[in-house]
Structure formats: C-alpha cells, structure tokens
Amino acid sequence: AAEYKDEDTGRHLLRMSHYAAAVARQMGLSDHVAQSI
C-alpha cells in the first residue's frame, strides 16, 4: 500500500526480502533472525 503506484512493488518486496534473509544466514545470523528479516 505504501508503494501501490509501482506496478512491480509486489515482486520487488518478495525478492529483496528473500535476498536479505539469505545474506543474513550467510553472515551467521540465526534462522530465527533470518525469518524475522
């Protein structure tokens, strides 16, 4: 809703959040923290 005028927002949010969770795990953060991300 905050970015509803961007037609690719849904896919962007999915991709960037999963990228971040994957990087967090690679950096040694716990699965719980990765899930919170």
Full PDB file with SEQRES, HELIX, SHEET, SSBOND, CRYST1, ORIGX, SCALE, CONECT and MASTER records, all heavy atoms in Angstrom:
SEQRES   1 A   37  ALA ALA GLU TYR LYS ASP GLU ASP THR GLY ARG HIS LEU          
SEQRES   2 A   37  LEU ARG MET SER HIS TYR ALA ALA ALA VAL ALA ARG GLN          
SEQRES   3 A   37  MET GLY LEU SER ASP HIS VAL ALA GLN SER ILE                  
HELIX    1 AA1 THR A    9  GLN A   26  1                                  18    
HELIX    2 AA2 ASP A   31  SER A   36  1                                   6    
CRYST1    1.000    1.000    1.000  90.00  90.00  90.00 P 1           1          
ORIGX1      1.000000  0.000000  0.000000        0.00000                         
ORIGX2      0.000000  1.000000  0.000000        0.00000                         
ORIGX3      0.000000  0.000000  1.000000        0.00000                         
SCALE1      1.000000  0.000000  0.000000        0.00000                         
SCALE2      0.000000  1.000000  0.000000        0.00000                         
SCALE3      0.000000  0.000000  1.000000        0.00000                         
ATOM      1  N   ALA A   1       0.824  -1.207   0.000  1.00  0.00           N  
ATOM      2  CA  ALA A   1       0.000   0.000   0.000  1.00  0.00           C  
ATOM      3  C   ALA A   1       0.857   1.255   0.000  1.00  0.00           C  
ATOM      4  O   ALA A   1       0.474   2.292  -0.562  1.00  0.00           O  
ATOM      5  CB  ALA A   1      -0.918   0.002   1.224  1.00  0.00           C  
ATOM      6  N   ALA A   2       2.024   1.171   0.646  1.00  0.00           N  
ATOM      7  CA  ALA A   2       2.897   2.339   0.708  1.00  0.00           C  
ATOM      8  C   ALA A   2       3.487   2.670  -0.661  1.00  0.00           C  
ATOM      9  O   ALA A   2       3.907   3.802  -0.904  1.00  0.00           O  
ATOM     10  CB  ALA A   2       4.028   2.098   1.710  1.00  0.00           C  
ATOM     11  N   GLU A   3       3.542   1.677  -1.550  1.00  0.00           N  
ATOM     12  CA  GLU A   3       4.157   1.884  -2.862  1.00  0.00           C  
ATOM     13  C   GLU A   3       3.229   1.407  -3.983  1.00  0.00           C  
ATOM     14  O   GLU A   3       3.670   0.938  -5.017  1.00  0.00           O  
ATOM     15  CB  GLU A   3       5.480   1.105  -2.937  1.00  0.00           C  
ATOM     16  CG  GLU A   3       6.470   1.434  -1.848  1.00  0.00           C  
ATOM     17  CD  GLU A   3       7.761   0.657  -2.037  1.00  0.00           C  
ATOM     18  OE1 GLU A   3       8.493   0.955  -2.988  1.00  0.00           O  
ATOM     19  OE2 GLU A   3       8.014  -0.252  -1.238  1.00  0.00           O  
ATOM     20  N   TYR A   4       1.934   1.525  -3.759  1.00  0.00           N  
ATOM     21  CA  TYR A   4       0.986   0.878  -4.654  1.00  0.00           C  
ATOM     22  C   TYR A   4       1.033   1.387  -6.085  1.00  0.00           C  
ATOM     23  O   TYR A   4       0.586   0.736  -7.005  1.00  0.00           O  
ATOM     24  CB  TYR A   4      -0.437   1.022  -4.109  1.00  0.00           C  
ATOM     25  CG  TYR A   4      -1.023   2.412  -4.245  1.00  0.00           C  
ATOM     26  CD1 TYR A   4      -1.895   2.719  -5.283  1.00  0.00           C  
ATOM     27  CD2 TYR A   4      -0.698   3.414  -3.327  1.00  0.00           C  
ATOM     28  CE1 TYR A   4      -2.423   3.999  -5.402  1.00  0.00           C  
ATOM     29  CE2 TYR A   4      -1.217   4.673  -3.451  1.00  0.00           C  
ATOM     30  CZ  TYR A   4      -2.089   4.967  -4.483  1.00  0.00           C  
ATOM     31  OH  TYR A   4      -2.607   6.231  -4.602  1.00  0.00           O  
ATOM     32  N   LYS A   5       1.618   2.554  -6.296  1.00  0.00           N  
ATOM     33  CA  LYS A   5       1.675   3.092  -7.652  1.00  0.00           C  
ATOM     34  C   LYS A   5       2.804   2.468  -8.472  1.00  0.00           C  
ATOM     35  O   LYS A   5       2.903   2.680  -9.667  1.00  0.00           O  
ATOM     36  CB  LYS A   5       1.845   4.613  -7.612  1.00  0.00           C  
ATOM     37  CG  LYS A   5       0.640   5.334  -7.009  1.00  0.00           C  
ATOM     38  CD  LYS A   5       0.808   6.838  -7.078  1.00  0.00           C  
ATOM     39  CE  LYS A   5      -0.438   7.543  -6.558  1.00  0.00           C  
ATOM     40  NZ  LYS A   5      -0.624   7.353  -5.130  1.00  0.00           N  
ATOM     41  N   ASP A   6       3.665   1.685  -7.819  1.00  0.00           N  
ATOM     42  CA  ASP A   6       4.746   0.998  -8.529  1.00  0.00           C  
ATOM     43  C   ASP A   6       4.226  -0.373  -8.943  1.00  0.00           C  
ATOM     44  O   ASP A   6       3.957  -1.229  -8.107  1.00  0.00           O  
ATOM     45  CB  ASP A   6       5.961   0.854  -7.598  1.00  0.00           C  
ATOM     46  CG  ASP A   6       7.142   0.188  -8.292  1.00  0.00           C  
ATOM     47  OD1 ASP A   6       6.962  -0.351  -9.396  1.00  0.00           O  
ATOM     48  OD2 ASP A   6       8.232   0.211  -7.701  1.00  0.00           O  
ATOM     49  N   GLU A   7       4.105  -0.637 -10.228  1.00  0.00           N  
ATOM     50  CA  GLU A   7       3.499  -1.877 -10.699  1.00  0.00           C  
ATOM     51  C   GLU A   7       4.309  -3.109 -10.341  1.00  0.00           C  
ATOM     52  O   GLU A   7       3.788  -4.218 -10.298  1.00  0.00           O  
ATOM     53  CB  GLU A   7       3.312  -1.824 -12.215  1.00  0.00           C  
ATOM     54  CG  GLU A   7       4.613  -1.766 -12.999  1.00  0.00           C  
ATOM     55  CD  GLU A   7       4.401  -1.720 -14.505  1.00  0.00           C  
ATOM     56  OE1 GLU A   7       3.270  -1.472 -14.925  1.00  0.00           O  
ATOM     57  OE2 GLU A   7       5.386  -1.924 -15.226  1.00  0.00           O  
ATOM     58  N   ASP A   8       5.581  -2.957 -10.051  1.00  0.00           N  
ATOM     59  CA  ASP A   8       6.418  -4.112  -9.735  1.00  0.00           C  
ATOM     60  C   ASP A   8       6.687  -4.256  -8.245  1.00  0.00           C  
ATOM     61  O   ASP A   8       7.512  -5.038  -7.818  1.00  0.00           O  
ATOM     62  CB  ASP A   8       7.765  -4.003 -10.481  1.00  0.00           C  
ATOM     63  CG  ASP A   8       8.516  -5.343 -10.482  1.00  0.00           C  
ATOM     64  OD1 ASP A   8       7.875  -6.363 -10.792  1.00  0.00           O  
ATOM     65  OD2 ASP A   8       9.706  -5.348 -10.167  1.00  0.00           O  
ATOM     66  N   THR A   9       5.953  -3.487  -7.426  1.00  0.00           N  
ATOM     67  CA  THR A   9       6.233  -3.472  -5.996  1.00  0.00           C  
ATOM     68  C   THR A   9       6.133  -4.860  -5.373  1.00  0.00           C  
ATOM     69  O   THR A   9       6.972  -5.249  -4.568  1.00  0.00           O  
ATOM     70  CB  THR A   9       5.265  -2.518  -5.272  1.00  0.00           C  
ATOM     71  OG1 THR A   9       5.542  -1.200  -5.684  1.00  0.00           O  
ATOM     72  CG2 THR A   9       5.442  -2.604  -3.777  1.00  0.00           C  
ATOM     73  N   GLY A  10       5.076  -5.630  -5.726  1.00  0.00           N  
ATOM     74  CA  GLY A  10       4.893  -6.940  -5.110  1.00  0.00           C  
ATOM     75  C   GLY A  10       6.089  -7.829  -5.308  1.00  0.00           C  
ATOM     76  O   GLY A  10       6.619  -8.405  -4.360  1.00  0.00           O  
ATOM     77  N   ARG A  11       6.559  -7.935  -6.535  1.00  0.00           N  
ATOM     78  CA  ARG A  11       7.705  -8.790  -6.811  1.00  0.00           C  
ATOM     79  C   ARG A  11       8.988  -8.232  -6.193  1.00  0.00           C  
ATOM     80  O   ARG A  11       9.838  -8.982  -5.740  1.00  0.00           O  
ATOM     81  CB  ARG A  11       7.847  -8.966  -8.322  1.00  0.00           C  
ATOM     82  CG  ARG A  11       6.849  -9.972  -8.880  1.00  0.00           C  
ATOM     83  CD  ARG A  11       6.715  -9.893 -10.376  1.00  0.00           C  
ATOM     84  NE  ARG A  11       5.930  -8.724 -10.765  1.00  0.00           N  
ATOM     85  CZ  ARG A  11       5.545  -8.475 -12.008  1.00  0.00           C  
ATOM     86  NH1 ARG A  11       5.879  -9.298 -12.978  1.00  0.00           N  
ATOM     87  NH2 ARG A  11       4.828  -7.406 -12.294  1.00  0.00           N  
ATOM     88  N   HIS A  12       9.101  -6.919  -6.194  1.00  0.00           N  
ATOM     89  CA  HIS A  12      10.275  -6.289  -5.574  1.00  0.00           C  
ATOM     90  C   HIS A  12      10.352  -6.641  -4.088  1.00  0.00           C  
ATOM     91  O   HIS A  12      11.419  -7.018  -3.580  1.00  0.00           O  
ATOM     92  CB  HIS A  12      10.201  -4.777  -5.754  1.00  0.00           C  
ATOM     93  CG  HIS A  12      11.155  -4.018  -4.874  1.00  0.00           C  
ATOM     94  ND1 HIS A  12      12.522  -4.105  -5.004  1.00  0.00           N  
ATOM     95  CD2 HIS A  12      10.928  -3.168  -3.821  1.00  0.00           C  
ATOM     96  CE1 HIS A  12      13.105  -3.332  -4.100  1.00  0.00           C  
ATOM     97  NE2 HIS A  12      12.156  -2.772  -3.368  1.00  0.00           N  
ATOM     98  N   LEU A  13       9.229  -6.530  -3.374  1.00  0.00           N  
ATOM     99  CA  LEU A  13       9.227  -6.822  -1.942  1.00  0.00           C  
ATOM    100  C   LEU A  13       9.588  -8.277  -1.667  1.00  0.00           C  
ATOM    101  O   LEU A  13      10.318  -8.587  -0.722  1.00  0.00           O  
ATOM    102  CB  LEU A  13       7.852  -6.503  -1.336  1.00  0.00           C  
ATOM    103  CG  LEU A  13       7.445  -5.025  -1.341  1.00  0.00           C  
ATOM    104  CD1 LEU A  13       6.032  -4.876  -0.804  1.00  0.00           C  
ATOM    105  CD2 LEU A  13       8.415  -4.184  -0.519  1.00  0.00           C  
ATOM    106  N   LEU A  14       9.074  -9.162  -2.497  1.00  0.00           N  
ATOM    107  CA  LEU A  14       9.406 -10.575  -2.333  1.00  0.00           C  
ATOM    108  C   LEU A  14      10.885 -10.829  -2.547  1.00  0.00           C  
ATOM    109  O   LEU A  14      11.547 -11.487  -1.736  1.00  0.00           O  
ATOM    110  CB  LEU A  14       8.589 -11.400  -3.330  1.00  0.00           C  
ATOM    111  CG  LEU A  14       7.120 -11.613  -2.974  1.00  0.00           C  
ATOM    112  CD1 LEU A  14       6.348 -12.077  -4.199  1.00  0.00           C  
ATOM    113  CD2 LEU A  14       6.995 -12.634  -1.868  1.00  0.00           C  
ATOM    114  N   ARG A  15      11.394 -10.327  -3.647  1.00  0.00           N  
ATOM    115  CA  ARG A  15      12.793 -10.609  -3.976  1.00  0.00           C  
ATOM    116  C   ARG A  15      13.741 -10.014  -2.949  1.00  0.00           C  
ATOM    117  O   ARG A  15      14.629 -10.702  -2.426  1.00  0.00           O  
ATOM    118  CB  ARG A  15      13.110 -10.088  -5.384  1.00  0.00           C  
ATOM    119  CG  ARG A  15      12.442 -10.881  -6.505  1.00  0.00           C  
ATOM    120  CD  ARG A  15      12.974 -10.459  -7.870  1.00  0.00           C  
ATOM    121  NE  ARG A  15      12.712  -9.068  -8.168  1.00  0.00           N  
ATOM    122  CZ  ARG A  15      11.672  -8.622  -8.883  1.00  0.00           C  
ATOM    123  NH1 ARG A  15      10.776  -9.479  -9.364  1.00  0.00           N  
ATOM    124  NH2 ARG A  15      11.518  -7.330  -9.124  1.00  0.00           N  
ATOM    125  N   MET A  16      13.585  -8.736  -2.659  1.00  0.00           N  
ATOM    126  CA  MET A  16      14.559  -8.091  -1.777  1.00  0.00           C  
ATOM    127  C   MET A  16      14.518  -8.680  -0.362  1.00  0.00           C  
ATOM    128  O   MET A  16      15.551  -8.811   0.290  1.00  0.00           O  
ATOM    129  CB  MET A  16      14.363  -6.568  -1.752  1.00  0.00           C  
ATOM    130  CG  MET A  16      13.013  -6.059  -1.265  1.00  0.00           C  
ATOM    131  SD  MET A  16      12.783  -5.954   0.527  1.00  0.00           S  
ATOM    132  CE  MET A  16      14.092  -4.855   0.947  1.00  0.00           C  
ATOM    133  N   SER A  17      13.333  -9.068   0.125  1.00  0.00           N  
ATOM    134  CA  SER A  17      13.253  -9.635   1.476  1.00  0.00           C  
ATOM    135  C   SER A  17      13.903 -11.020   1.525  1.00  0.00           C  
ATOM    136  O   SER A  17      14.582 -11.373   2.494  1.00  0.00           O  
ATOM    137  CB  SER A  17      11.804  -9.703   1.954  1.00  0.00           C  
ATOM    138  OG  SER A  17      11.016 -10.486   1.091  1.00  0.00           O  
ATOM    139  N   HIS A  18      13.723 -11.809   0.466  1.00  0.00           N  
ATOM    140  CA  HIS A  18      14.371 -13.119   0.428  1.00  0.00           C  
ATOM    141  C   HIS A  18      15.880 -12.999   0.213  1.00  0.00           C  
ATOM    142  O   HIS A  18      16.651 -13.778   0.769  1.00  0.00           O  
ATOM    143  CB  HIS A  18      13.738 -13.984  -0.660  1.00  0.00           C  
ATOM    144  CG  HIS A  18      12.432 -14.572  -0.253  1.00  0.00           C  
ATOM    145  ND1 HIS A  18      11.245 -13.865  -0.271  1.00  0.00           N  
ATOM    146  CD2 HIS A  18      12.109 -15.813   0.207  1.00  0.00           C  
ATOM    147  CE1 HIS A  18      10.261 -14.634   0.143  1.00  0.00           C  
ATOM    148  NE2 HIS A  18      10.761 -15.818   0.443  1.00  0.00           N  
ATOM    149  N   TYR A  19      16.311 -12.023  -0.598  1.00  0.00           N  
ATOM    150  CA  TYR A  19      17.750 -11.763  -0.721  1.00  0.00           C  
ATOM    151  C   TYR A  19      18.341 -11.472   0.659  1.00  0.00           C  
ATOM    152  O   TYR A  19      19.384 -12.018   1.038  1.00  0.00           O  
ATOM    153  CB  TYR A  19      18.011 -10.542  -1.614  1.00  0.00           C  
ATOM    154  CG  TYR A  19      17.659 -10.676  -3.074  1.00  0.00           C  
ATOM    155  CD1 TYR A  19      17.340  -9.535  -3.822  1.00  0.00           C  
ATOM    156  CD2 TYR A  19      17.659 -11.906  -3.724  1.00  0.00           C  
ATOM    157  CE1 TYR A  19      17.012  -9.629  -5.165  1.00  0.00           C  
ATOM    158  CE2 TYR A  19      17.338 -12.001  -5.077  1.00  0.00           C  
ATOM    159  CZ  TYR A  19      17.009 -10.860  -5.789  1.00  0.00           C  
ATOM    160  OH  TYR A  19      16.690 -10.936  -7.115  1.00  0.00           O  
ATOM    161  N   ALA A  20      17.683 -10.580   1.393  1.00  0.00           N  
ATOM    162  CA  ALA A  20      18.201 -10.152   2.697  1.00  0.00           C  
ATOM    163  C   ALA A  20      18.261 -11.321   3.681  1.00  0.00           C  
ATOM    164  O   ALA A  20      19.246 -11.480   4.416  1.00  0.00           O  
ATOM    165  CB  ALA A  20      17.337  -9.026   3.260  1.00  0.00           C  
ATOM    166  N   ALA A  21      17.213 -12.151   3.706  1.00  0.00           N  
ATOM    167  CA  ALA A  21      17.207 -13.302   4.617  1.00  0.00           C  
ATOM    168  C   ALA A  21      18.346 -14.263   4.278  1.00  0.00           C  
ATOM    169  O   ALA A  21      19.004 -14.808   5.170  1.00  0.00           O  
ATOM    170  CB  ALA A  21      15.857 -14.018   4.553  1.00  0.00           C  
ATOM    171  N   ALA A  22      18.581 -14.475   2.983  1.00  0.00           N  
ATOM    172  CA  ALA A  22      19.659 -15.377   2.562  1.00  0.00           C  
ATOM    173  C   ALA A  22      21.028 -14.828   2.961  1.00  0.00           C  
ATOM    174  O   ALA A  22      21.899 -15.563   3.436  1.00  0.00           O  
ATOM    175  CB  ALA A  22      19.592 -15.601   1.053  1.00  0.00           C  
ATOM    176  N   VAL A  23      21.241 -13.530   2.774  1.00  0.00           N  
ATOM    177  CA  VAL A  23      22.512 -12.910   3.161  1.00  0.00           C  
ATOM    178  C   VAL A  23      22.708 -13.004   4.676  1.00  0.00           C  
ATOM    179  O   VAL A  23      23.818 -13.266   5.160  1.00  0.00           O  
ATOM    180  CB  VAL A  23      22.565 -11.443   2.684  1.00  0.00           C  
ATOM    181  CG1 VAL A  23      23.803 -10.738   3.259  1.00  0.00           C  
ATOM    182  CG2 VAL A  23      22.595 -11.375   1.162  1.00  0.00           C  
ATOM    183  N   ALA A  24      21.627 -12.797   5.421  1.00  0.00           N  
ATOM    184  CA  ALA A  24      21.717 -12.874   6.883  1.00  0.00           C  
ATOM    185  C   ALA A  24      22.191 -14.252   7.329  1.00  0.00           C  
ATOM    186  O   ALA A  24      23.067 -14.374   8.199  1.00  0.00           O  
ATOM    187  CB  ALA A  24      20.356 -12.554   7.503  1.00  0.00           C  
ATOM    188  N   ARG A  25      21.643 -15.296   6.740  1.00  0.00           N  
ATOM    189  CA  ARG A  25      22.079 -16.650   7.100  1.00  0.00           C  
ATOM    190  C   ARG A  25      23.540 -16.866   6.728  1.00  0.00           C  
ATOM    191  O   ARG A  25      24.301 -17.477   7.481  1.00  0.00           O  
ATOM    192  CB  ARG A  25      21.197 -17.689   6.410  1.00  0.00           C  
ATOM    193  CG  ARG A  25      19.814 -17.837   7.030  1.00  0.00           C  
ATOM    194  CD  ARG A  25      19.136 -19.104   6.521  1.00  0.00           C  
ATOM    195  NE  ARG A  25      18.958 -19.042   5.081  1.00  0.00           N  
ATOM    196  CZ  ARG A  25      17.906 -18.512   4.476  1.00  0.00           C  
ATOM    197  NH1 ARG A  25      16.929 -17.987   5.209  1.00  0.00           N  
ATOM    198  NH2 ARG A  25      17.811 -18.506   3.158  1.00  0.00           N  
ATOM    199  N   GLN A  26      23.945 -16.357   5.566  1.00  0.00           N  
ATOM    200  CA  GLN A  26      25.339 -16.500   5.147  1.00  0.00           C  
ATOM    201  C   GLN A  26      26.289 -15.799   6.107  1.00  0.00           C  
ATOM    202  O   GLN A  26      27.419 -16.255   6.334  1.00  0.00           O  
ATOM    203  CB  GLN A  26      25.509 -15.939   3.727  1.00  0.00           C  
ATOM    204  CG  GLN A  26      26.932 -15.965   3.189  1.00  0.00           C  
ATOM    205  CD  GLN A  26      27.494 -17.369   3.051  1.00  0.00           C  
ATOM    206  OE1 GLN A  26      26.748 -18.338   2.923  1.00  0.00           O  
ATOM    207  NE2 GLN A  26      28.813 -17.488   3.071  1.00  0.00           N  
ATOM    208  N   MET A  27      25.825 -14.727   6.726  1.00  0.00           N  
ATOM    209  CA  MET A  27      26.659 -13.984   7.666  1.00  0.00           C  
ATOM    210  C   MET A  27      26.617 -14.560   9.075  1.00  0.00           C  
ATOM    211  O   MET A  27      27.180 -13.976   9.998  1.00  0.00           O  
ATOM    212  CB  MET A  27      26.239 -12.512   7.676  1.00  0.00           C  
ATOM    213  CG  MET A  27      26.509 -11.801   6.353  1.00  0.00           C  
ATOM    214  SD  MET A  27      26.182 -10.019   6.414  1.00  0.00           S  
ATOM    215  CE  MET A  27      27.509  -9.463   7.497  1.00  0.00           C  
ATOM    216  N   GLY A  28      25.930 -15.690   9.230  1.00  0.00           N  
ATOM    217  CA  GLY A  28      25.946 -16.377  10.516  1.00  0.00           C  
ATOM    218  C   GLY A  28      24.811 -16.017  11.442  1.00  0.00           C  
ATOM    219  O   GLY A  28      24.790 -16.469  12.592  1.00  0.00           O  
ATOM    220  N   LEU A  29      23.847 -15.232  10.983  1.00  0.00           N  
ATOM    221  CA  LEU A  29      22.697 -14.927  11.820  1.00  0.00           C  
ATOM    222  C   LEU A  29      21.799 -16.152  11.896  1.00  0.00           C  
ATOM    223  O   LEU A  29      21.771 -16.983  10.989  1.00  0.00           O  
ATOM    224  CB  LEU A  29      21.920 -13.720  11.280  1.00  0.00           C  
ATOM    225  CG  LEU A  29      22.467 -12.338  11.671  1.00  0.00           C  
ATOM    226  CD1 LEU A  29      23.832 -12.087  11.053  1.00  0.00           C  
ATOM    227  CD2 LEU A  29      21.506 -11.222  11.248  1.00  0.00           C  
ATOM    228  N   SER A  30      21.059 -16.279  12.979  1.00  0.00           N  
ATOM    229  CA  SER A  30      20.249 -17.473  13.220  1.00  0.00           C  
ATOM    230  C   SER A  30      19.071 -17.547  12.256  1.00  0.00           C  
ATOM    231  O   SER A  30      18.678 -16.554  11.639  1.00  0.00           O  
ATOM    232  CB  SER A  30      19.723 -17.463  14.659  1.00  0.00           C  
ATOM    233  OG  SER A  30      18.773 -16.425  14.828  1.00  0.00           O  
ATOM    234  N   ASP A  31      18.498 -18.742  12.152  1.00  0.00           N  
ATOM    235  CA  ASP A  31      17.307 -18.925  11.323  1.00  0.00           C  
ATOM    236  C   ASP A  31      16.163 -18.053  11.828  1.00  0.00           C  
ATOM    237  O   ASP A  31      15.350 -17.565  11.038  1.00  0.00           O  
ATOM    238  CB  ASP A  31      16.873 -20.396  11.329  1.00  0.00           C  
ATOM    239  CG  ASP A  31      17.801 -21.278  10.501  1.00  0.00           C  
ATOM    240  OD1 ASP A  31      18.516 -20.731   9.632  1.00  0.00           O  
ATOM    241  OD2 ASP A  31      17.814 -22.494  10.720  1.00  0.00           O  
ATOM    242  N   HIS A  32      16.081 -17.878  13.159  1.00  0.00           N  
ATOM    243  CA  HIS A  32      15.028 -17.024  13.722  1.00  0.00           C  
ATOM    244  C   HIS A  32      15.186 -15.585  13.234  1.00  0.00           C  
ATOM    245  O   HIS A  32      14.197 -14.938  12.862  1.00  0.00           O  
ATOM    246  CB  HIS A  32      15.088 -17.074  15.249  1.00  0.00           C  
ATOM    247  CG  HIS A  32      14.155 -16.108  15.918  1.00  0.00           C  
ATOM    248  ND1 HIS A  32      12.780 -16.300  15.952  1.00  0.00           N  
ATOM    249  CD2 HIS A  32      14.388 -14.926  16.553  1.00  0.00           C  
ATOM    250  CE1 HIS A  32      12.222 -15.285  16.583  1.00  0.00           C  
ATOM    251  NE2 HIS A  32      13.160 -14.449  16.963  1.00  0.00           N  
ATOM    252  N   VAL A  33      16.415 -15.079  13.238  1.00  0.00           N  
ATOM    253  CA  VAL A  33      16.651 -13.703  12.774  1.00  0.00           C  
ATOM    254  C   VAL A  33      16.355 -13.610  11.275  1.00  0.00           C  
ATOM    255  O   VAL A  33      15.734 -12.646  10.815  1.00  0.00           O  
ATOM    256  CB  VAL A  33      18.094 -13.269  13.068  1.00  0.00           C  
ATOM    257  CG1 VAL A  33      18.402 -11.927  12.410  1.00  0.00           C  
ATOM    258  CG2 VAL A  33      18.314 -13.179  14.583  1.00  0.00           C  
ATOM    259  N   ALA A  34      16.790 -14.620  10.509  1.00  0.00           N  
ATOM    260  CA  ALA A  34      16.522 -14.606   9.068  1.00  0.00           C  
ATOM    261  C   ALA A  34      15.021 -14.588   8.790  1.00  0.00           C  
ATOM    262  O   ALA A  34      14.549 -13.878   7.894  1.00  0.00           O  
ATOM    263  CB  ALA A  34      17.167 -15.818   8.408  1.00  0.00           C  
ATOM    264  N   GLN A  35      14.262 -15.366   9.580  1.00  0.00           N  
ATOM    265  CA  GLN A  35      12.805 -15.375   9.409  1.00  0.00           C  
ATOM    266  C   GLN A  35      12.225 -14.011   9.777  1.00  0.00           C  
ATOM    267  O   GLN A  35      11.307 -13.512   9.104  1.00  0.00           O  
ATOM    268  CB  GLN A  35      12.196 -16.459  10.294  1.00  0.00           C  
ATOM    269  CG  GLN A  35      10.701 -16.651  10.118  1.00  0.00           C  
ATOM    270  CD  GLN A  35      10.345 -17.358   8.828  1.00  0.00           C  
ATOM    271  OE1 GLN A  35      11.209 -17.959   8.188  1.00  0.00           O  
ATOM    272  NE2 GLN A  35       9.101 -17.290   8.420  1.00  0.00           N  
ATOM    273  N   SER A  36      12.753 -13.397  10.821  1.00  0.00           N  
ATOM    274  CA  SER A  36      12.267 -12.064  11.211  1.00  0.00           C  
ATOM    275  C   SER A  36      12.557 -11.030  10.124  1.00  0.00           C  
ATOM    276  O   SER A  36      11.753 -10.127   9.879  1.00  0.00           O  
ATOM    277  CB  SER A  36      12.932 -11.638  12.528  1.00  0.00           C  
ATOM    278  OG  SER A  36      12.551 -12.492  13.585  1.00  0.00           O  
ATOM    279  N   ILE A  37      13.704 -11.180   9.461  1.00  0.00           N  
ATOM    280  CA  ILE A  37      14.034 -10.272   8.349  1.00  0.00           C  
ATOM    281  C   ILE A  37      13.026 -10.440   7.225  1.00  0.00           C  
ATOM    282  O   ILE A  37      12.598  -9.459   6.602  1.00  0.00           O  
ATOM    283  CB  ILE A  37      15.459 -10.550   7.847  1.00  0.00           C  
ATOM    284  CG1 ILE A  37      16.483 -10.095   8.899  1.00  0.00           C  
ATOM    285  CG2 ILE A  37      15.725  -9.843   6.520  1.00  0.00           C  
ATOM    286  CD1 ILE A  37      17.892 -10.523   8.594  1.00  0.00           C  
TER     287      ILE A  37                                                      
MASTER        0    0    0    2    0    0    0    6  286    1    0    3          
END                                                                             
